[in-house]
Amino acid sequence: QMAPAILDTVTVDLVNNDVRFRANGSQVKFQGFM
């Protein structure tokens, strides 16, 4: 019966000579039901 949680997500692609790595980040912005 509580409000949804709100999360900020970030996806970052890092490239070196056409090789791609990916970093994912997330942070709880508003806990809501959590």
All heavy atoms as atom14 arrays in JSON, in Angstrom:
{
  "sequence": "QMAPAILDTVTVDLVNNDVRFRANGSQVKFQGFM",
  "atom14_mask": [
    [1, 1, 1, 1, 1, 1, 1, 1, 1, 0, 0, 0, 0, 0],
    [1, 1, 1, 1, 1, 1, 1, 1, 0, 0, 0, 0, 0, 0],
    [1, 1, 1, 1, 1, 0, 0, 0, 0, 0, 0, 0, 0, 0],
    [1, 1, 1, 1, 1, 1, 1, 0, 0, 0, 0, 0, 0, 0],
    [1, 1, 1, 1, 1, 0, 0, 0, 0, 0, 0, 0, 0, 0],
    [1, 1, 1, 1, 1, 1, 1, 1, 0, 0, 0, 0, 0, 0],
    [1, 1, 1, 1, 1, 1, 1, 1, 0, 0, 0, 0, 0, 0],
    [1, 1, 1, 1, 1, 1, 1, 1, 0, 0, 0, 0, 0, 0],
    [1, 1, 1, 1, 1, 1, 1, 0, 0, 0, 0, 0, 0, 0],
    [1, 1, 1, 1, 1, 1, 1, 0, 0, 0, 0, 0, 0, 0],
    [1, 1, 1, 1, 1, 1, 1, 0, 0, 0, 0, 0, 0, 0],
    [1, 1, 1, 1, 1, 1, 1, 0, 0, 0, 0, 0, 0, 0],
    [1, 1, 1, 1, 1, 1, 1, 1, 0, 0, 0, 0, 0, 0],
    [1, 1, 1, 1, 1, 1, 1, 1, 0, 0, 0, 0, 0, 0],
    [1, 1, 1, 1, 1, 1, 1, 0, 0, 0, 0, 0, 0, 0],
    [1, 1, 1, 1, 1, 1, 1, 1, 0, 0, 0, 0, 0, 0],
    [1, 1, 1, 1, 1, 1, 1, 1, 0, 0, 0, 0, 0, 0],
    [1, 1, 1, 1, 1, 1, 1, 1, 0, 0, 0, 0, 0, 0],
    [1, 1, 1, 1, 1, 1, 1, 0, 0, 0, 0, 0, 0, 0],
    [1, 1, 1, 1, 1, 1, 1, 1, 1, 1, 1, 0, 0, 0],
    [1, 1, 1, 1, 1, 1, 1, 1, 1, 1, 1, 0, 0, 0],
    [1, 1, 1, 1, 1, 1, 1, 1, 1, 1, 1, 0, 0, 0],
    [1, 1, 1, 1, 1, 0, 0, 0, 0, 0, 0, 0, 0, 0],
    [1, 1, 1, 1, 1, 1, 1, 1, 0, 0, 0, 0, 0, 0],
    [1, 1, 1, 1, 0, 0, 0, 0, 0, 0, 0, 0, 0, 0],
    [1, 1, 1, 1, 1, 1, 0, 0, 0, 0, 0, 0, 0, 0],
    [1, 1, 1, 1, 1, 1, 1, 1, 1, 0, 0, 0, 0, 0],
    [1, 1, 1, 1, 1, 1, 1, 0, 0, 0, 0, 0, 0, 0],
    [1, 1, 1, 1, 1, 1, 1, 1, 1, 0, 0, 0, 0, 0],
    [1, 1, 1, 1, 1, 1, 1, 1, 1, 1, 1, 0, 0, 0],
    [1, 1, 1, 1, 1, 1, 1, 1, 1, 0, 0, 0, 0, 0],
    [1, 1, 1, 1, 0, 0, 0, 0, 0, 0, 0, 0, 0, 0],
    [1, 1, 1, 1, 1, 1, 1, 1, 1, 1, 1, 0, 0, 0],
    [1, 1, 1, 1, 1, 1, 1, 1, 0, 0, 0, 0, 0, 0]
  ],
  "atom14_positions": [
    [[0.82, -1.22, 0.0], [0.0, 0.0, 0.0], [0.86, 1.27, 0.0], [0.35, 2.37, 0.2], [-0.93, 0.0, 1.22], [-1.84, -1.21, 1.32], [-2.66, -1.42, 0.06], [-3.39, -0.53, -0.38], [-2.55, -2.6, -0.54], [0.0, 0.0, 0.0], [0.0, 0.0, 0.0], [0.0, 0.0, 0.0], [0.0, 0.0, 0.0], [0.0, 0.0, 0.0]],
    [[2.17, 1.11, -0.23], [3.08, 2.25, -0.2], [3.5, 2.66, -1.61], [3.3, 1.93, -2.58], [4.32, 1.91, 0.64], [3.99, 1.7, 2.11], [5.43, 1.22, 3.12], [6.31, 2.78, 3.22], [0.0, 0.0, 0.0], [0.0, 0.0, 0.0], [0.0, 0.0, 0.0], [0.0, 0.0, 0.0], [0.0, 0.0, 0.0], [0.0, 0.0, 0.0]],
    [[4.06, 3.83, -1.71], [4.48, 4.39, -2.99], [5.64, 3.6, -3.59], [6.42, 2.98, -2.86], [4.88, 5.85, -2.81], [0.0, 0.0, 0.0], [0.0, 0.0, 0.0], [0.0, 0.0, 0.0], [0.0, 0.0, 0.0], [0.0, 0.0, 0.0], [0.0, 0.0, 0.0], [0.0, 0.0, 0.0], [0.0, 0.0, 0.0], [0.0, 0.0, 0.0]],
    [[5.78, 3.63, -4.92], [6.92, 2.95, -5.55], [8.24, 3.57, -5.1], [8.3, 4.75, -4.74], [6.7, 3.19, -7.05], [5.26, 3.55, -7.19], [4.87, 4.23, -5.92], [0.0, 0.0, 0.0], [0.0, 0.0, 0.0], [0.0, 0.0, 0.0], [0.0, 0.0, 0.0], [0.0, 0.0, 0.0], [0.0, 0.0, 0.0], [0.0, 0.0, 0.0]],
    [[9.29, 2.76, -5.13], [10.63, 3.28, -4.91], [11.1, 3.94, -6.2], [10.71, 3.53, -7.3], [11.58, 2.16, -4.51], [0.0, 0.0, 0.0], [0.0, 0.0, 0.0], [0.0, 0.0, 0.0], [0.0, 0.0, 0.0], [0.0, 0.0, 0.0], [0.0, 0.0, 0.0], [0.0, 0.0, 0.0], [0.0, 0.0, 0.0], [0.0, 0.0, 0.0]],
    [[11.91, 4.98, -6.07], [12.46, 5.67, -7.25], [13.97, 5.5, -7.24], [14.64, 5.8, -6.25], [12.07, 7.16, -7.27], [10.55, 7.31, -7.3], [12.71, 7.86, -8.46], [10.06, 8.74, -7.19], [0.0, 0.0, 0.0], [0.0, 0.0, 0.0], [0.0, 0.0, 0.0], [0.0, 0.0, 0.0], [0.0, 0.0, 0.0], [0.0, 0.0, 0.0]],
    [[14.5, 4.99, -8.34], [15.93, 4.75, -8.44], [16.51, 5.55, -9.6], [15.9, 5.63, -10.68], [16.22, 3.27, -8.65], [15.8, 2.32, -7.52], [14.42, 1.76, -7.76], [16.79, 1.18, -7.4], [0.0, 0.0, 0.0], [0.0, 0.0, 0.0], [0.0, 0.0, 0.0], [0.0, 0.0, 0.0], [0.0, 0.0, 0.0], [0.0, 0.0, 0.0]],
    [[17.65, 6.14, -9.37], [18.41, 6.78, -10.44], [19.39, 5.76, -10.99], [20.2, 5.2, -10.24], [19.18, 7.99, -9.91], [18.26, 9.2, -9.74], [17.22, 9.26, -10.43], [18.58, 10.08, -8.93], [0.0, 0.0, 0.0], [0.0, 0.0, 0.0], [0.0, 0.0, 0.0], [0.0, 0.0, 0.0], [0.0, 0.0, 0.0], [0.0, 0.0, 0.0]],
    [[19.32, 5.49, -12.29], [20.24, 4.53, -12.9], [21.14, 5.24, -13.91], [20.72, 6.19, -14.58], [19.48, 3.39, -13.6], [18.7, 3.93, -14.68], [18.56, 2.67, -12.63], [0.0, 0.0, 0.0], [0.0, 0.0, 0.0], [0.0, 0.0, 0.0], [0.0, 0.0, 0.0], [0.0, 0.0, 0.0], [0.0, 0.0, 0.0], [0.0, 0.0, 0.0]],
    [[22.37, 4.76, -14.01], [23.35, 5.32, -14.95], [24.02, 4.17, -15.68], [24.46, 3.19, -15.06], [24.43, 6.15, -14.21], [25.38, 6.77, -15.23], [23.8, 7.23, -13.35], [0.0, 0.0, 0.0], [0.0, 0.0, 0.0], [0.0, 0.0, 0.0], [0.0, 0.0, 0.0], [0.0, 0.0, 0.0], [0.0, 0.0, 0.0], [0.0, 0.0, 0.0]],
    [[24.09, 4.26, -17.01], [24.83, 3.29, -17.82], [25.91, 4.06, -18.57], [25.62, 5.03, -19.28], [23.9, 2.58, -18.83], [22.87, 1.91, -18.1], [24.67, 1.57, -19.66], [0.0, 0.0, 0.0], [0.0, 0.0, 0.0], [0.0, 0.0, 0.0], [0.0, 0.0, 0.0], [0.0, 0.0, 0.0], [0.0, 0.0, 0.0], [0.0, 0.0, 0.0]],
    [[27.16, 3.63, -18.4], [28.3, 4.32, -19.01], [29.06, 3.36, -19.9], [29.44, 2.26, -19.46], [29.24, 4.89, -17.92], [30.44, 5.59, -18.56], [28.49, 5.84, -17.0], [0.0, 0.0, 0.0], [0.0, 0.0, 0.0], [0.0, 0.0, 0.0], [0.0, 0.0, 0.0], [0.0, 0.0, 0.0], [0.0, 0.0, 0.0], [0.0, 0.0, 0.0]],
    [[29.28, 3.72, -21.15], [30.11, 2.95, -22.07], [31.47, 3.6, -22.19], [31.58, 4.81, -22.45], [29.46, 2.86, -23.45], [28.28, 1.9, -23.47], [28.16, 1.1, -22.53], [27.48, 1.96, -24.42], [0.0, 0.0, 0.0], [0.0, 0.0, 0.0], [0.0, 0.0, 0.0], [0.0, 0.0, 0.0], [0.0, 0.0, 0.0], [0.0, 0.0, 0.0]],
    [[32.53, 2.8, -22.0], [33.91, 3.28, -22.1], [34.59, 2.53, -23.24], [34.5, 1.3, -23.31], [34.66, 3.05, -20.78], [34.03, 3.67, -19.53], [33.29, 2.62, -18.72], [35.09, 4.35, -18.66], [0.0, 0.0, 0.0], [0.0, 0.0, 0.0], [0.0, 0.0, 0.0], [0.0, 0.0, 0.0], [0.0, 0.0, 0.0], [0.0, 0.0, 0.0]],
    [[35.26, 3.26, -24.13], [35.8, 2.67, -25.35], [37.3, 2.88, -25.43], [37.82, 3.96, -25.11], [35.1, 3.27, -26.59], [35.72, 2.72, -27.87], [33.61, 2.96, -26.56], [0.0, 0.0, 0.0], [0.0, 0.0, 0.0], [0.0, 0.0, 0.0], [0.0, 0.0, 0.0], [0.0, 0.0, 0.0], [0.0, 0.0, 0.0], [0.0, 0.0, 0.0]],
    [[37.99, 1.81, -25.88], [39.43, 1.86, -26.12], [39.69, 1.06, -27.39], [39.55, -0.17, -27.42], [40.19, 1.26, -24.93], [41.69, 1.26, -25.12], [42.2, 1.02, -26.21], [42.41, 1.5, -24.04], [0.0, 0.0, 0.0], [0.0, 0.0, 0.0], [0.0, 0.0, 0.0], [0.0, 0.0, 0.0], [0.0, 0.0, 0.0], [0.0, 0.0, 0.0]],
    [[40.04, 1.78, -28.47], [40.37, 1.13, -29.75], [39.27, 0.15, -30.18], [39.53, -1.02, -30.49], [41.72, 0.41, -29.63], [42.33, 0.09, -30.99], [41.97, 0.72, -31.99], [43.23, -0.87, -31.03], [0.0, 0.0, 0.0], [0.0, 0.0, 0.0], [0.0, 0.0, 0.0], [0.0, 0.0, 0.0], [0.0, 0.0, 0.0], [0.0, 0.0, 0.0]],
    [[38.03, 0.63, -30.18], [36.84, -0.13, -30.58], [36.44, -1.24, -29.61], [35.54, -2.03, -29.9], [37.0, -0.75, -31.98], [36.97, 0.31, -33.08], [36.52, 1.44, -32.78], [37.38, 0.01, -34.2], [0.0, 0.0, 0.0], [0.0, 0.0, 0.0], [0.0, 0.0, 0.0], [0.0, 0.0, 0.0], [0.0, 0.0, 0.0], [0.0, 0.0, 0.0]],
    [[37.1, -1.33, -28.47], [36.7, -2.28, -27.43], [35.84, -1.53, -26.41], [36.25, -0.49, -25.9], [37.92, -2.9, -26.72], [37.47, -3.8, -25.58], [38.76, -3.69, -27.71], [0.0, 0.0, 0.0], [0.0, 0.0, 0.0], [0.0, 0.0, 0.0], [0.0, 0.0, 0.0], [0.0, 0.0, 0.0], [0.0, 0.0, 0.0], [0.0, 0.0, 0.0]],
    [[34.65, -2.08, -26.15], [33.71, -1.36, -25.29], [33.53, -2.09, -23.95], [33.22, -3.28, -23.92], [32.36, -1.23, -25.99], [31.31, -0.51, -25.14], [30.14, 0.02, -25.95], [29.63, -0.91, -26.93], [28.33, -0.99, -27.29], [27.45, -0.19, -26.72], [27.94, -1.85, -28.21], [0.0, 0.0, 0.0], [0.0, 0.0, 0.0], [0.0, 0.0, 0.0]],
    [[33.71, -1.35, -22.87], [33.39, -1.82, -21.52], [32.15, -1.05, -21.05], [31.89, 0.06, -21.52], [34.56, -1.58, -20.56], [35.62, -2.65, -20.61], [36.28, -2.98, -21.79], [35.95, -3.35, -19.46], [37.26, -3.95, -21.83], [36.94, -4.33, -19.48], [37.59, -4.64, -20.67], [0.0, 0.0, 0.0], [0.0, 0.0, 0.0], [0.0, 0.0, 0.0]],
    [[31.4, -1.65, -20.12], [30.19, -0.98, -19.63], [30.15, -1.01, -18.11], [30.43, -2.03, -17.48], [28.93, -1.65, -20.19], [27.64, -1.09, -19.64], [26.43, -1.53, -20.46], [26.39, -0.81, -21.74], [25.42, -0.96, -22.66], [24.44, -1.83, -22.43], [25.44, -0.28, -23.79], [0.0, 0.0, 0.0], [0.0, 0.0, 0.0], [0.0, 0.0, 0.0]],
    [[29.79, 0.13, -17.53], [29.6, 0.25, -16.08], [28.16, 0.65, -15.81], [27.61, 1.51, -16.49], [30.56, 1.29, -15.49], [0.0, 0.0, 0.0], [0.0, 0.0, 0.0], [0.0, 0.0, 0.0], [0.0, 0.0, 0.0], [0.0, 0.0, 0.0], [0.0, 0.0, 0.0], [0.0, 0.0, 0.0], [0.0, 0.0, 0.0], [0.0, 0.0, 0.0]],
    [[27.54, 0.0, -14.83], [26.17, 0.31, -14.44], [26.14, 0.8, -13.0], [26.78, 0.21, -12.12], [25.27, -0.92, -14.57], [25.06, -1.32, -16.02], [24.55, -0.54, -16.82], [25.47, -2.52, -16.38], [0.0, 0.0, 0.0], [0.0, 0.0, 0.0], [0.0, 0.0, 0.0], [0.0, 0.0, 0.0], [0.0, 0.0, 0.0], [0.0, 0.0, 0.0]],
    [[25.4, 1.83, -12.78], [25.24, 2.34, -11.42], [23.78, 2.58, -11.12], [22.98, 2.87, -12.02], [0.0, 0.0, 0.0], [0.0, 0.0, 0.0], [0.0, 0.0, 0.0], [0.0, 0.0, 0.0], [0.0, 0.0, 0.0], [0.0, 0.0, 0.0], [0.0, 0.0, 0.0], [0.0, 0.0, 0.0], [0.0, 0.0, 0.0], [0.0, 0.0, 0.0]],
    [[23.41, 2.43, -9.89], [22.03, 2.74, -9.48], [22.04, 3.23, -8.05], [22.88, 2.81, -7.25], [21.13, 1.52, -9.62], [21.51, 0.51, -8.72], [0.0, 0.0, 0.0], [0.0, 0.0, 0.0], [0.0, 0.0, 0.0], [0.0, 0.0, 0.0], [0.0, 0.0, 0.0], [0.0, 0.0, 0.0], [0.0, 0.0, 0.0], [0.0, 0.0, 0.0]],
    [[21.13, 4.1, -7.76], [21.05, 4.67, -6.43], [19.58, 4.89, -6.07], [18.8, 5.37, -6.89], [21.81, 6.0, -6.37], [21.89, 6.61, -4.97], [22.75, 7.85, -4.93], [23.24, 8.29, -5.97], [22.93, 8.42, -3.77], [0.0, 0.0, 0.0], [0.0, 0.0, 0.0], [0.0, 0.0, 0.0], [0.0, 0.0, 0.0], [0.0, 0.0, 0.0]],
    [[19.21, 4.47, -4.87], [17.83, 4.68, -4.43], [17.64, 6.16, -4.11], [18.25, 6.71, -3.19], [17.51, 3.81, -3.19], [16.09, 4.1, -2.71], [17.67, 2.33, -3.51], [0.0, 0.0, 0.0], [0.0, 0.0, 0.0], [0.0, 0.0, 0.0], [0.0, 0.0, 0.0], [0.0, 0.0, 0.0], [0.0, 0.0, 0.0], [0.0, 0.0, 0.0]],
    [[16.78, 6.79, -4.9], [16.5, 8.22, -4.74], [15.4, 8.45, -3.7], [15.44, 9.39, -2.92], [16.09, 8.8, -6.1], [15.86, 10.29, -6.14], [15.52, 10.69, -7.57], [15.27, 12.18, -7.69], [14.92, 12.54, -9.1], [0.0, 0.0, 0.0], [0.0, 0.0, 0.0], [0.0, 0.0, 0.0], [0.0, 0.0, 0.0], [0.0, 0.0, 0.0]],
    [[14.39, 7.54, -3.74], [13.28, 7.6, -2.77], [12.93, 6.16, -2.41], [12.6, 5.35, -3.27], [12.08, 8.31, -3.38], [10.83, 8.25, -2.53], [10.78, 8.86, -1.29], [9.71, 7.56, -2.98], [9.64, 8.79, -0.5], [8.56, 7.48, -2.2], [8.54, 8.11, -0.95], [0.0, 0.0, 0.0], [0.0, 0.0, 0.0], [0.0, 0.0, 0.0]],
    [[12.99, 5.83, -1.12], [12.81, 4.44, -0.69], [11.42, 3.9, -0.96], [11.25, 2.74, -1.32], [13.12, 4.32, 0.81], [14.59, 4.16, 1.13], [14.77, 3.85, 2.59], [14.42, 4.65, 3.45], [15.32, 2.68, 2.87], [0.0, 0.0, 0.0], [0.0, 0.0, 0.0], [0.0, 0.0, 0.0], [0.0, 0.0, 0.0], [0.0, 0.0, 0.0]],
    [[10.4, 4.71, -0.76], [9.05, 4.22, -0.94], [8.8, 2.97, -0.12], [9.17, 2.88, 1.05], [0.0, 0.0, 0.0], [0.0, 0.0, 0.0], [0.0, 0.0, 0.0], [0.0, 0.0, 0.0], [0.0, 0.0, 0.0], [0.0, 0.0, 0.0], [0.0, 0.0, 0.0], [0.0, 0.0, 0.0], [0.0, 0.0, 0.0], [0.0, 0.0, 0.0]],
    [[8.22, 1.95, -0.76], [7.88, 0.7, -0.06], [9.11, -0.01, 0.48], [9.01, -0.81, 1.43], [7.12, -0.24, -1.01], [7.99, -0.88, -2.05], [8.6, -2.11, -1.83], [8.21, -0.24, -3.27], [9.4, -2.69, -2.78], [9.02, -0.83, -4.23], [9.62, -2.05, -3.98], [0.0, 0.0, 0.0], [0.0, 0.0, 0.0], [0.0, 0.0, 0.0]],
    [[10.3, 0.24, -0.11], [11.52, -0.46, 0.31], [11.91, -0.1, 1.74], [12.74, -0.78, 2.34], [12.66, -0.14, -0.65], [12.45, -0.72, -2.05], [13.7, -0.18, -3.25], [15.14, -1.01, -2.62], [0.0, 0.0, 0.0], [0.0, 0.0, 0.0], [0.0, 0.0, 0.0], [0.0, 0.0, 0.0], [0.0, 0.0, 0.0], [0.0, 0.0, 0.0]]
  ]
}
